[in-house]
Amino acid sequence: MKEGLNPLSFNQEDKPKIHSQSSKNKKRMTLEEKIEYEIKENEIRWGRELSESDKSILEIAIRNELGDKQCKTCDDMKWLGYPVDDFKSPMFGKYYSCPDCTDTKSPHIQEVKYEQANIRVSSPPLLDNFDPGIQETARGRKVVKQAYDYVNNWVNGEVVMMLALVGGTGVGKTHLALGSAARLVEKGKGVKYMNGEQFANELRPRSFKDDEGQSQRQFRDELVNTEYLILDEVGIATDSTGWMASQYQEIISHRFDIEKPTLITGNIEKHHEETPEKAIERVLGSRVVSRLKDQTKSRLCSMWEANDLRPIMGKSK
């Protein structure tokens, strides 16, 4: 977690104060110069470079303090949250575009939305740039194209509560996972992306609260109740006791039962003559596999016959 400014809000101490006495030159600054000045001041104060989302919120706070808000409905945040406190409500944590704003695709706003979705790259790979044709074999191209079609249909509203992709390293699973998360953000959906390492770090057994003051129970509730959940690289973390699998099972099974869509990608190598279902059971448990068998609400795609894209792409350079 970042230190310093909270990426979602500022308290009274953090709000920028444009003091006229701080500098004679500052009195003659334009609004844009004052914003740039305050960004630099805060970077010095916190000893780090601010993210684009931090800069965006700092700019909004400065404009608000100086009475330069362009939209009084949303305070220039470009979206509004539903006034729901009950996390069990289907509207909890959801946002909708401000009806009085039009510039909802500005880079700063997009960065904040990515941060809310836990997309930790400023330019995630896009679904439109995913190319199954890069695979060297016909069978590889076929299974990768099937995975792409499943994901594309899922983000475009197909009623599938659980979509699972299994395969080895470098076959494009994370591209599809991040690309689907970005597409859902663009469509204004509530989405949370979580890879295996992040999941393990957040839910590692411990007796204290995490850095954001959330308990493990609260973290699980957030994943259970988000509109769309994307669990990438399940199986990447060591799970000798099966404890991690039990956590995945609880979250995925409950989401399926309350009909909330989940995309799962498994960085799972095939063991001998193992089926995809057996591989998922080995990593995530039987309850998840049981729900995957409901083909009216589930899809499973094996990418084992695809080759690792990274050396293939290296050859083409």
C-alpha atoms as a PDB file:
ATOM      1  CA  MET A   1       0.000   0.000   0.000  1.00  0.00           C
ATOM      2  CA  LYS A   2       1.177   3.496  -0.765  1.00  0.00           C
ATOM      3  CA  GLU A   3       2.260   5.700   2.036  1.00  0.00           C
ATOM      4  CA  GLY A   4       1.179   9.307   2.292  1.00  0.00           C
ATOM      5  CA  LEU A   5      -1.900  10.582   0.541  1.00  0.00           C
ATOM      6  CA  ASN A   6      -4.979   8.457   0.605  1.00  0.00           C
ATOM      7  CA  PRO A   7      -5.765   7.800  -3.085  1.00  0.00           C
ATOM      8  CA  LEU A   8      -9.489   8.261  -2.573  1.00  0.00           C
ATOM      9  CA  SER A   9      -9.905  11.263  -0.291  1.00  0.00           C
ATOM     10  CA  PHE A  10      -8.166  14.017   1.614  1.00  0.00           C
ATOM     11  CA  ASN A  11      -8.758  14.949   5.226  1.00  0.00           C
ATOM     12  CA  GLN A  12      -8.500  18.524   6.449  1.00  0.00           C
ATOM     13  CA  GLU A  13      -4.762  18.242   7.097  1.00  0.00           C
ATOM     14  CA  ASP A  14      -4.063  16.861   3.639  1.00  0.00           C
ATOM     15  CA  LYS A  15      -6.165  19.389   1.713  1.00  0.00           C
ATOM     16  CA  PRO A  16      -3.940  21.854  -0.101  1.00  0.00           C
ATOM     17  CA  LYS A  17      -3.767  25.311   1.448  1.00  0.00           C
ATOM     18  CA  ILE A  18      -2.971  28.076  -0.969  1.00  0.00           C
ATOM     19  CA  HIS A  19      -1.654  30.615   1.527  1.00  0.00           C
ATOM     20  CA  SER A  20      -1.187  34.053   0.043  1.00  0.00           C
ATOM     21  CA  GLN A  21       1.649  34.782   2.461  1.00  0.00           C
ATOM     22  CA  SER A  22       3.695  31.713   1.441  1.00  0.00           C
ATOM     23  CA  SER A  23       5.194  33.457  -1.547  1.00  0.00           C
ATOM     24  CA  LYS A  24       4.784  36.794  -3.270  1.00  0.00           C
ATOM     25  CA  ASN A  25       5.158  35.031  -6.587  1.00  0.00           C
ATOM     26  CA  LYS A  26       2.390  32.609  -5.676  1.00  0.00           C
ATOM     27  CA  LYS A  27      -0.131  35.434  -5.704  1.00  0.00           C
ATOM     28  CA  ARG A  28       0.542  35.878  -9.380  1.00  0.00           C
ATOM     29  CA  MET A  29       0.341  32.168 -10.226  1.00  0.00           C
ATOM     30  CA  THR A  30      -2.317  30.926 -12.604  1.00  0.00           C
ATOM     31  CA  LEU A  31      -4.565  28.110 -11.371  1.00  0.00           C
ATOM     32  CA  GLU A  32      -2.568  25.559 -13.357  1.00  0.00           C
ATOM     33  CA  GLU A  33       0.698  26.847 -11.858  1.00  0.00           C
ATOM     34  CA  LYS A  34      -0.763  26.610  -8.339  1.00  0.00           C
ATOM     35  CA  ILE A  35      -1.822  23.023  -9.001  1.00  0.00           C
ATOM     36  CA  GLU A  36       1.655  22.129 -10.258  1.00  0.00           C
ATOM     37  CA  TYR A  37       3.202  23.919  -7.254  1.00  0.00           C
ATOM     38  CA  GLU A  38       1.069  21.977  -4.759  1.00  0.00           C
ATOM     39  CA  ILE A  39       1.815  18.668  -6.470  1.00  0.00           C
ATOM     40  CA  LYS A  40       5.548  19.305  -6.133  1.00  0.00           C
ATOM     41  CA  GLU A  41       5.137  20.426  -2.512  1.00  0.00           C
ATOM     42  CA  ASN A  42       3.263  17.248  -1.627  1.00  0.00           C
ATOM     43  CA  GLU A  43       5.801  15.062  -3.410  1.00  0.00           C
ATOM     44  CA  ILE A  44       8.541  16.675  -1.327  1.00  0.00           C
ATOM     45  CA  ARG A  45       6.419  16.322   1.821  1.00  0.00           C
ATOM     46  CA  TRP A  46       5.753  12.614   1.283  1.00  0.00           C
ATOM     47  CA  GLY A  47       9.133  11.788  -0.245  1.00  0.00           C
ATOM     48  CA  ARG A  48       7.741  10.066  -3.304  1.00  0.00           C
ATOM     49  CA  GLU A  49       6.336  10.784  -6.737  1.00  0.00           C
ATOM     50  CA  LEU A  50       2.543  11.000  -6.689  1.00  0.00           C
ATOM     51  CA  SER A  51       0.556   8.634  -8.884  1.00  0.00           C
ATOM     52  CA  GLU A  52      -1.699  10.023 -11.594  1.00  0.00           C
ATOM     53  CA  SER A  53      -4.744   9.299  -9.423  1.00  0.00           C
ATOM     54  CA  ASP A  54      -3.180  11.165  -6.466  1.00  0.00           C
ATOM     55  CA  LYS A  55      -2.426  14.139  -8.718  1.00  0.00           C
ATOM     56  CA  SER A  56      -5.956  14.088 -10.081  1.00  0.00           C
ATOM     57  CA  ILE A  57      -7.540  14.142  -6.632  1.00  0.00           C
ATOM     58  CA  LEU A  58      -5.125  16.805  -5.421  1.00  0.00           C
ATOM     59  CA  GLU A  59      -6.099  18.958  -8.403  1.00  0.00           C
ATOM     60  CA  ILE A  60      -9.782  18.478  -7.596  1.00  0.00           C
ATOM     61  CA  ALA A  61      -9.176  19.447  -3.960  1.00  0.00           C
ATOM     62  CA  ILE A  62      -7.317  22.620  -5.040  1.00  0.00           C
ATOM     63  CA  ARG A  63     -10.053  23.604  -7.455  1.00  0.00           C
ATOM     64  CA  ASN A  64     -12.655  23.007  -4.747  1.00  0.00           C
ATOM     65  CA  GLU A  65     -10.775  25.147  -2.226  1.00  0.00           C
ATOM     66  CA  LEU A  66     -10.337  27.976  -4.708  1.00  0.00           C
ATOM     67  CA  GLY A  67     -13.959  27.823  -5.764  1.00  0.00           C
ATOM     68  CA  ASP A  68     -13.094  26.630  -9.267  1.00  0.00           C
ATOM     69  CA  LYS A  69     -15.256  23.505  -9.330  1.00  0.00           C
ATOM     70  CA  GLN A  70     -16.530  22.837 -12.809  1.00  0.00           C
ATOM     71  CA  CYS A  71     -19.250  20.476 -11.629  1.00  0.00           C
ATOM     72  CA  LYS A  72     -20.970  21.008  -8.297  1.00  0.00           C
ATOM     73  CA  THR A  73     -22.894  17.746  -8.590  1.00  0.00           C
ATOM     74  CA  CYS A  74     -19.871  15.464  -8.278  1.00  0.00           C
ATOM     75  CA  ASP A  75     -17.101  17.932  -7.255  1.00  0.00           C
ATOM     76  CA  ASP A  76     -15.381  17.123 -10.574  1.00  0.00           C
ATOM     77  CA  MET A  77     -14.963  13.428  -9.664  1.00  0.00           C
ATOM     78  CA  LYS A  78     -17.006  12.547 -12.793  1.00  0.00           C
ATOM     79  CA  TRP A  79     -18.997   9.808 -11.042  1.00  0.00           C
ATOM     80  CA  LEU A  80     -21.293   9.364  -8.040  1.00  0.00           C
ATOM     81  CA  GLY A  81     -21.631   6.478  -5.608  1.00  0.00           C
ATOM     82  CA  TYR A  82     -24.948   4.928  -4.669  1.00  0.00           C
ATOM     83  CA  PRO A  83     -25.778   5.953  -1.057  1.00  0.00           C
ATOM     84  CA  VAL A  84     -25.751   2.376   0.271  1.00  0.00           C
ATOM     85  CA  ASP A  85     -23.958   1.364   3.485  1.00  0.00           C
ATOM     86  CA  ASP A  86     -25.048  -2.273   3.636  1.00  0.00           C
ATOM     87  CA  PHE A  87     -22.280  -4.307   1.941  1.00  0.00           C
ATOM     88  CA  LYS A  88     -24.807  -7.089   1.257  1.00  0.00           C
ATOM     89  CA  SER A  89     -26.822  -4.793  -0.975  1.00  0.00           C
ATOM     90  CA  PRO A  90     -26.325  -5.370  -4.740  1.00  0.00           C
ATOM     91  CA  MET A  91     -25.715  -1.610  -5.083  1.00  0.00           C
ATOM     92  CA  PHE A  92     -22.940  -1.474  -2.471  1.00  0.00           C
ATOM     93  CA  GLY A  93     -19.695  -0.073  -3.873  1.00  0.00           C
ATOM     94  CA  LYS A  94     -21.206   0.712  -7.272  1.00  0.00           C
ATOM     95  CA  TYR A  95     -20.788   4.006  -9.099  1.00  0.00           C
ATOM     96  CA  TYR A  96     -22.535   5.695 -11.976  1.00  0.00           C
ATOM     97  CA  SER A  97     -21.397   8.468 -14.300  1.00  0.00           C
ATOM     98  CA  CYS A  98     -22.288  11.969 -13.176  1.00  0.00           C
ATOM     99  CA  PRO A  99     -25.226  13.105 -15.321  1.00  0.00           C
ATOM    100  CA  ASP A 100     -23.835  16.661 -15.406  1.00  0.00           C
ATOM    101  CA  CYS A 101     -20.343  15.755 -16.637  1.00  0.00           C
ATOM    102  CA  THR A 102     -19.228  14.625 -20.057  1.00  0.00           C
ATOM    103  CA  ASP A 103     -15.469  14.094 -19.771  1.00  0.00           C
ATOM    104  CA  THR A 104     -15.637  10.715 -18.040  1.00  0.00           C
ATOM    105  CA  LYS A 105     -12.728   9.278 -20.056  1.00  0.00           C
ATOM    106  CA  SER A 106     -10.034  11.745 -19.020  1.00  0.00           C
ATOM    107  CA  PRO A 107      -6.702  10.025 -18.202  1.00  0.00           C
ATOM    108  CA  HIS A 108      -6.818  11.167 -14.566  1.00  0.00           C
ATOM    109  CA  ILE A 109     -10.311   9.790 -13.973  1.00  0.00           C
ATOM    110  CA  GLN A 110      -9.403   6.556 -15.759  1.00  0.00           C
ATOM    111  CA  GLU A 111      -6.367   6.173 -13.488  1.00  0.00           C
ATOM    112  CA  VAL A 112      -8.524   6.537 -10.363  1.00  0.00           C
ATOM    113  CA  LYS A 113     -10.996   3.966 -11.671  1.00  0.00           C
ATOM    114  CA  TYR A 114      -8.161   1.541 -12.414  1.00  0.00           C
ATOM    115  CA  GLU A 115      -6.857   2.005  -8.886  1.00  0.00           C
ATOM    116  CA  GLN A 116     -10.302   1.267  -7.438  1.00  0.00           C
ATOM    117  CA  ALA A 117     -10.415  -1.935  -9.507  1.00  0.00           C
ATOM    118  CA  ASN A 118      -6.909  -2.868  -8.260  1.00  0.00           C
ATOM    119  CA  ILE A 119      -5.485  -2.642 -11.790  1.00  0.00           C
ATOM    120  CA  ARG A 120      -1.942  -1.666 -10.880  1.00  0.00           C
ATOM    121  CA  VAL A 121      -0.645  -0.867 -14.346  1.00  0.00           C
ATOM    122  CA  SER A 122      -1.308   2.503 -15.971  1.00  0.00           C
ATOM    123  CA  SER A 123      -1.820   0.972 -19.437  1.00  0.00           C
ATOM    124  CA  PRO A 124      -3.259  -2.539 -19.065  1.00  0.00           C
ATOM    125  CA  PRO A 125      -3.279  -4.816 -22.121  1.00  0.00           C
ATOM    126  CA  LEU A 126      -6.493  -4.477 -24.110  1.00  0.00           C
ATOM    127  CA  LEU A 127      -8.767  -7.237 -25.337  1.00  0.00           C
ATOM    128  CA  ASP A 128      -8.745  -5.624 -28.772  1.00  0.00           C
ATOM    129  CA  ASN A 129      -4.980  -6.225 -28.957  1.00  0.00           C
ATOM    130  CA  PHE A 130      -5.172  -9.918 -28.081  1.00  0.00           C
ATOM    131  CA  ASP A 131      -4.080 -11.999 -31.075  1.00  0.00           C
ATOM    132  CA  PRO A 132      -4.604 -15.799 -30.979  1.00  0.00           C
ATOM    133  CA  GLY A 133      -2.944 -15.975 -34.389  1.00  0.00           C
ATOM    134  CA  ILE A 134       0.502 -15.590 -32.837  1.00  0.00           C
ATOM    135  CA  GLN A 135       0.360 -19.245 -31.756  1.00  0.00           C
ATOM    136  CA  GLU A 136       2.503 -21.459 -33.992  1.00  0.00           C
ATOM    137  CA  THR A 137       0.175 -24.480 -34.143  1.00  0.00           C
ATOM    138  CA  ALA A 138      -3.396 -24.763 -35.380  1.00  0.00           C
ATOM    139  CA  ARG A 139      -4.462 -26.413 -32.125  1.00  0.00           C
ATOM    140  CA  GLY A 140      -2.811 -23.662 -30.080  1.00  0.00           C
ATOM    141  CA  ARG A 141      -4.581 -20.978 -32.106  1.00  0.00           C
ATOM    142  CA  LYS A 142      -7.891 -22.788 -31.660  1.00  0.00           C
ATOM    143  CA  VAL A 143      -7.788 -23.059 -27.857  1.00  0.00           C
ATOM    144  CA  VAL A 144      -6.514 -19.498 -27.424  1.00  0.00           C
ATOM    145  CA  LYS A 145      -9.233 -18.181 -29.748  1.00  0.00           C
ATOM    146  CA  GLN A 146     -11.822 -20.099 -27.712  1.00  0.00           C
ATOM    147  CA  ALA A 147     -10.533 -18.521 -24.492  1.00  0.00           C
ATOM    148  CA  TYR A 148     -10.696 -15.057 -26.076  1.00  0.00           C
ATOM    149  CA  ASP A 149     -14.271 -15.653 -27.308  1.00  0.00           C
ATOM    150  CA  TYR A 150     -15.377 -16.824 -23.862  1.00  0.00           C
ATOM    151  CA  VAL A 151     -13.871 -13.738 -22.184  1.00  0.00           C
ATOM    152  CA  ASN A 152     -15.174 -11.325 -24.807  1.00  0.00           C
ATOM    153  CA  ASN A 153     -18.711 -12.701 -24.471  1.00  0.00           C
ATOM    154  CA  TRP A 154     -18.427 -12.546 -20.678  1.00  0.00           C
ATOM    155  CA  VAL A 155     -17.484  -8.855 -20.531  1.00  0.00           C
ATOM    156  CA  ASN A 156     -20.218  -8.076 -23.059  1.00  0.00           C
ATOM    157  CA  GLY A 157     -22.975  -9.421 -20.847  1.00  0.00           C
ATOM    158  CA  GLU A 158     -23.262 -13.165 -21.422  1.00  0.00           C
ATOM    159  CA  VAL A 159     -24.944 -14.658 -18.352  1.00  0.00           C
ATOM    160  CA  VAL A 160     -22.027 -16.738 -17.084  1.00  0.00           C
ATOM    161  CA  MET A 161     -21.426 -16.763 -13.338  1.00  0.00           C
ATOM    162  CA  MET A 162     -18.100 -18.607 -13.495  1.00  0.00           C
ATOM    163  CA  LEU A 163     -15.601 -18.566 -16.337  1.00  0.00           C
ATOM    164  CA  ALA A 164     -12.380 -20.517 -15.780  1.00  0.00           C
ATOM    165  CA  LEU A 165      -9.260 -20.603 -17.974  1.00  0.00           C
ATOM    166  CA  VAL A 166      -6.484 -23.067 -17.172  1.00  0.00           C
ATOM    167  CA  GLY A 167      -3.102 -23.287 -18.852  1.00  0.00           C
ATOM    168  CA  GLY A 168       0.621 -23.059 -18.488  1.00  0.00           C
ATOM    169  CA  THR A 169       2.777 -19.941 -18.297  1.00  0.00           C
ATOM    170  CA  GLY A 170       2.776 -17.293 -20.987  1.00  0.00           C
ATOM    171  CA  VAL A 171      -0.291 -18.374 -22.976  1.00  0.00           C
ATOM    172  CA  GLY A 172      -2.138 -15.058 -22.538  1.00  0.00           C
ATOM    173  CA  LYS A 173      -4.291 -15.639 -19.462  1.00  0.00           C
ATOM    174  CA  THR A 174      -3.196 -12.459 -17.654  1.00  0.00           C
ATOM    175  CA  HIS A 175      -3.636 -10.426 -20.854  1.00  0.00           C
ATOM    176  CA  LEU A 176      -7.228 -11.666 -21.006  1.00  0.00           C
ATOM    177  CA  ALA A 177      -7.774 -11.054 -17.275  1.00  0.00           C
ATOM    178  CA  LEU A 178      -6.417  -7.483 -17.255  1.00  0.00           C
ATOM    179  CA  GLY A 179      -8.009  -6.715 -20.614  1.00  0.00           C
ATOM    180  CA  SER A 180     -11.416  -7.819 -19.350  1.00  0.00           C
ATOM    181  CA  ALA A 181     -10.968  -5.749 -16.170  1.00  0.00           C
ATOM    182  CA  ALA A 182     -10.124  -2.658 -18.234  1.00  0.00           C
ATOM    183  CA  ARG A 183     -13.096  -3.249 -20.529  1.00  0.00           C
ATOM    184  CA  LEU A 184     -15.465  -3.578 -17.570  1.00  0.00           C
ATOM    185  CA  VAL A 185     -14.100  -0.342 -16.045  1.00  0.00           C
ATOM    186  CA  GLU A 186     -14.691   1.365 -19.396  1.00  0.00           C
ATOM    187  CA  LYS A 187     -18.281   0.088 -19.385  1.00  0.00           C
ATOM    188  CA  GLY A 188     -18.836   1.561 -15.905  1.00  0.00           C
ATOM    189  CA  LYS A 189     -19.105  -1.799 -14.126  1.00  0.00           C
ATOM    190  CA  GLY A 190     -17.960  -2.465 -10.584  1.00  0.00           C
ATOM    191  CA  VAL A 191     -14.931  -4.754 -10.886  1.00  0.00           C
ATOM    192  CA  LYS A 192     -12.085  -6.007  -8.714  1.00  0.00           C
ATOM    193  CA  TYR A 193      -8.962  -7.607 -10.169  1.00  0.00           C
ATOM    194  CA  MET A 194      -6.789  -9.736  -7.885  1.00  0.00           C
ATOM    195  CA  ASN A 195      -3.819 -11.895  -8.827  1.00  0.00           C
ATOM    196  CA  GLY A 196      -2.641 -14.908  -6.832  1.00  0.00           C
ATOM    197  CA  GLU A 197       0.213 -13.139  -5.075  1.00  0.00           C
ATOM    198  CA  GLN A 198      -1.987 -10.229  -3.964  1.00  0.00           C
ATOM    199  CA  PHE A 199      -4.681 -12.641  -2.799  1.00  0.00           C
ATOM    200  CA  ALA A 200      -2.181 -14.604  -0.706  1.00  0.00           C
ATOM    201  CA  ASN A 201      -0.714 -11.450   0.835  1.00  0.00           C
ATOM    202  CA  GLU A 202      -4.125 -10.079   1.778  1.00  0.00           C
ATOM    203  CA  LEU A 203      -5.418 -13.306   3.294  1.00  0.00           C
ATOM    204  CA  ARG A 204      -2.267 -14.675   4.874  1.00  0.00           C
ATOM    205  CA  PRO A 205      -3.223 -15.771   8.413  1.00  0.00           C
ATOM    206  CA  ARG A 206      -2.411 -13.055  10.908  1.00  0.00           C
ATOM    207  CA  SER A 207      -3.851 -11.662  14.095  1.00  0.00           C
ATOM    208  CA  PHE A 208      -3.835  -7.973  13.137  1.00  0.00           C
ATOM    209  CA  LYS A 209      -5.559  -5.798  10.575  1.00  0.00           C
ATOM    210  CA  ASP A 210      -3.975  -4.957   7.242  1.00  0.00           C
ATOM    211  CA  ASP A 211      -2.534  -1.536   6.380  1.00  0.00           C
ATOM    212  CA  GLU A 212      -5.899  -0.115   5.341  1.00  0.00           C
ATOM    213  CA  GLY A 213      -7.602  -1.156   8.554  1.00  0.00           C
ATOM    214  CA  GLN A 214      -9.548  -3.922   6.852  1.00  0.00           C
ATOM    215  CA  SER A 215      -9.895  -7.255   8.552  1.00  0.00           C
ATOM    216  CA  GLN A 216      -9.600 -10.464   6.564  1.00  0.00           C
ATOM    217  CA  ARG A 217     -13.357 -10.844   6.871  1.00  0.00           C
ATOM    218  CA  GLN A 218     -13.935  -7.403   5.369  1.00  0.00           C
ATOM    219  CA  PHE A 219     -11.549  -8.178   2.533  1.00  0.00           C
ATOM    220  CA  ARG A 220     -13.380 -11.409   1.720  1.00  0.00           C
ATOM    221  CA  ASP A 221     -16.720  -9.597   1.875  1.00  0.00           C
ATOM    222  CA  GLU A 222     -15.430  -7.023  -0.615  1.00  0.00           C
ATOM    223  CA  LEU A 223     -14.458  -9.752  -3.071  1.00  0.00           C
ATOM    224  CA  VAL A 224     -17.731 -11.610  -2.557  1.00  0.00           C
ATOM    225  CA  ASN A 225     -19.882  -8.545  -3.146  1.00  0.00           C
ATOM    226  CA  THR A 226     -18.132  -6.719  -5.987  1.00  0.00           C
ATOM    227  CA  GLU A 227     -20.148  -6.771  -9.211  1.00  0.00           C
ATOM    228  CA  TYR A 228     -17.436  -8.527 -11.265  1.00  0.00           C
ATOM    229  CA  LEU A 229     -14.481 -10.382  -9.737  1.00  0.00           C
ATOM    230  CA  ILE A 230     -11.364 -11.398 -11.665  1.00  0.00           C
ATOM    231  CA  LEU A 231      -9.026 -13.846  -9.925  1.00  0.00           C
ATOM    232  CA  ASP A 232      -5.844 -14.124 -11.968  1.00  0.00           C
ATOM    233  CA  GLU A 233      -3.017 -16.650 -11.561  1.00  0.00           C
ATOM    234  CA  VAL A 234      -4.723 -18.794  -8.946  1.00  0.00           C
ATOM    235  CA  GLY A 235      -2.356 -21.528  -7.852  1.00  0.00           C
ATOM    236  CA  ILE A 236       0.733 -19.336  -8.087  1.00  0.00           C
ATOM    237  CA  ALA A 237       1.185 -19.139  -4.307  1.00  0.00           C
ATOM    238  CA  THR A 238       2.453 -22.062  -2.225  1.00  0.00           C
ATOM    239  CA  ASP A 239      -0.450 -23.790  -0.474  1.00  0.00           C
ATOM    240  CA  SER A 240       0.933 -26.856   1.297  1.00  0.00           C
ATOM    241  CA  THR A 241      -1.871 -26.891   3.893  1.00  0.00           C
ATOM    242  CA  GLY A 242      -4.791 -26.272   1.524  1.00  0.00           C
ATOM    243  CA  TRP A 243      -5.721 -23.141   3.461  1.00  0.00           C
ATOM    244  CA  MET A 244      -5.530 -20.891   0.386  1.00  0.00           C
ATOM    245  CA  ALA A 245      -7.761 -23.250  -1.590  1.00  0.00           C
ATOM    246  CA  SER A 246     -10.367 -23.072   1.177  1.00  0.00           C
ATOM    247  CA  GLN A 247     -10.382 -19.264   0.943  1.00  0.00           C
ATOM    248  CA  TYR A 248     -10.798 -19.360  -2.831  1.00  0.00           C
ATOM    249  CA  GLN A 249     -13.577 -21.942  -2.469  1.00  0.00           C
ATOM    250  CA  GLU A 250     -15.491 -19.831   0.024  1.00  0.00           C
ATOM    251  CA  ILE A 251     -15.402 -16.706  -2.132  1.00  0.00           C
ATOM    252  CA  ILE A 252     -15.951 -18.309  -5.555  1.00  0.00           C
ATOM    253  CA  SER A 253     -18.712 -20.679  -4.405  1.00  0.00           C
ATOM    254  CA  HIS A 254     -20.613 -17.973  -2.569  1.00  0.00           C
ATOM    255  CA  ARG A 255     -20.417 -15.613  -5.561  1.00  0.00           C
ATOM    256  CA  PHE A 256     -21.742 -18.372  -7.817  1.00  0.00           C
ATOM    257  CA  ASP A 257     -24.632 -19.059  -5.445  1.00  0.00           C
ATOM    258  CA  ILE A 258     -25.649 -15.371  -5.330  1.00  0.00           C
ATOM    259  CA  GLU A 259     -25.128 -15.077  -9.109  1.00  0.00           C
ATOM    260  CA  LYS A 260     -22.223 -12.667  -9.315  1.00  0.00           C
ATOM    261  CA  PRO A 261     -19.886 -13.160 -12.308  1.00  0.00           C
ATOM    262  CA  THR A 262     -16.336 -14.388 -11.631  1.00  0.00           C
ATOM    263  CA  LEU A 263     -13.441 -14.913 -14.038  1.00  0.00           C
ATOM    264  CA  ILE A 264     -10.721 -17.313 -12.867  1.00  0.00           C
ATOM    265  CA  THR A 265      -7.416 -17.895 -14.604  1.00  0.00           C
ATOM    266  CA  GLY A 266      -5.260 -20.738 -13.326  1.00  0.00           C
ATOM    267  CA  ASN A 267      -1.513 -20.855 -13.833  1.00  0.00           C
ATOM    268  CA  ILE A 268      -1.809 -24.617 -13.608  1.00  0.00           C
ATOM    269  CA  GLU A 269       0.421 -27.131 -15.368  1.00  0.00           C
ATOM    270  CA  LYS A 270      -1.078 -30.468 -16.440  1.00  0.00           C
ATOM    271  CA  HIS A 271      -0.144 -33.499 -14.336  1.00  0.00           C
ATOM    272  CA  HIS A 272       0.101 -36.664 -16.483  1.00  0.00           C
ATOM    273  CA  GLU A 273      -3.361 -37.462 -17.944  1.00  0.00           C
ATOM    274  CA  GLU A 274      -5.147 -34.992 -15.677  1.00  0.00           C
ATOM    275  CA  THR A 275      -8.338 -33.329 -16.928  1.00  0.00           C
ATOM    276  CA  PRO A 276      -8.871 -29.547 -16.556  1.00  0.00           C
ATOM    277  CA  GLU A 277     -11.525 -30.273 -13.917  1.00  0.00           C
ATOM    278  CA  LYS A 278      -9.096 -32.375 -11.883  1.00  0.00           C
ATOM    279  CA  ALA A 279      -6.436 -29.654 -12.136  1.00  0.00           C
ATOM    280  CA  ILE A 280      -8.856 -27.037 -10.816  1.00  0.00           C
ATOM    281  CA  GLU A 281      -9.950 -29.395  -8.034  1.00  0.00           C
ATOM    282  CA  ARG A 282      -6.287 -29.866  -7.081  1.00  0.00           C
ATOM    283  CA  VAL A 283      -5.810 -26.094  -6.712  1.00  0.00           C
ATOM    284  CA  LEU A 284      -9.260 -24.767  -5.765  1.00  0.00           C
ATOM    285  CA  GLY A 285     -11.150 -27.736  -4.344  1.00  0.00           C
ATOM    286  CA  SER A 286     -14.188 -29.829  -5.222  1.00  0.00           C
ATOM    287  CA  ARG A 287     -16.830 -27.188  -4.454  1.00  0.00           C
ATOM    288  CA  VAL A 288     -15.588 -24.979  -7.275  1.00  0.00           C
ATOM    289  CA  VAL A 289     -15.509 -27.910  -9.710  1.00  0.00           C
ATOM    290  CA  SER A 290     -19.032 -28.907  -8.701  1.00  0.00           C
ATOM    291  CA  ARG A 291     -20.305 -25.479  -9.747  1.00  0.00           C
ATOM    292  CA  LEU A 292     -18.271 -25.537 -12.964  1.00  0.00           C
ATOM    293  CA  LYS A 293     -20.265 -28.603 -14.000  1.00  0.00           C
ATOM    294  CA  ASP A 294     -23.380 -26.438 -14.261  1.00  0.00           C
ATOM    295  CA  GLN A 295     -22.900 -25.625 -17.936  1.00  0.00           C
ATOM    296  CA  THR A 296     -25.908 -23.297 -17.991  1.00  0.00           C
ATOM    297  CA  LYS A 297     -23.970 -20.802 -15.856  1.00  0.00           C
ATOM    298  CA  SER A 298     -20.317 -21.864 -16.203  1.00  0.00           C
ATOM    299  CA  ARG A 299     -17.613 -22.095 -18.848  1.00  0.00           C
ATOM    300  CA  LEU A 300     -14.266 -23.905 -18.655  1.00  0.00           C
ATOM    301  CA  CYS A 301     -11.494 -23.528 -21.222  1.00  0.00           C
ATOM    302  CA  SER A 302      -8.233 -25.485 -21.253  1.00  0.00           C
ATOM    303  CA  MET A 303      -5.257 -23.685 -22.855  1.00  0.00           C
ATOM    304  CA  TRP A 304      -2.791 -26.518 -22.242  1.00  0.00           C
ATOM    305  CA  GLU A 305      -2.254 -27.032 -25.980  1.00  0.00           C
ATOM    306  CA  ALA A 306      -1.101 -23.425 -26.422  1.00  0.00           C
ATOM    307  CA  ASN A 307       2.591 -22.595 -26.366  1.00  0.00           C
ATOM    308  CA  ASP A 308       4.318 -20.015 -24.169  1.00  0.00           C
ATOM    309  CA  LEU A 309       3.935 -16.733 -26.102  1.00  0.00           C
ATOM    310  CA  ARG A 310       7.016 -15.028 -24.698  1.00  0.00           C
ATOM    311  CA  PRO A 311       9.688 -16.998 -26.579  1.00  0.00           C
ATOM    312  CA  ILE A 312       7.461 -16.922 -29.682  1.00  0.00           C
ATOM    313  CA  MET A 313       7.282 -13.116 -29.487  1.00  0.00           C
ATOM    314  CA  GLY A 314      11.051 -13.002 -28.913  1.00  0.00           C
ATOM    315  CA  LYS A 315      11.625 -14.829 -32.194  1.00  0.00           C
ATOM    316  CA  SER A 316       9.516 -12.298 -34.095  1.00  0.00           C
ATOM    317  CA  LYS A 317      11.640  -9.338 -32.955  1.00  0.00           C
END
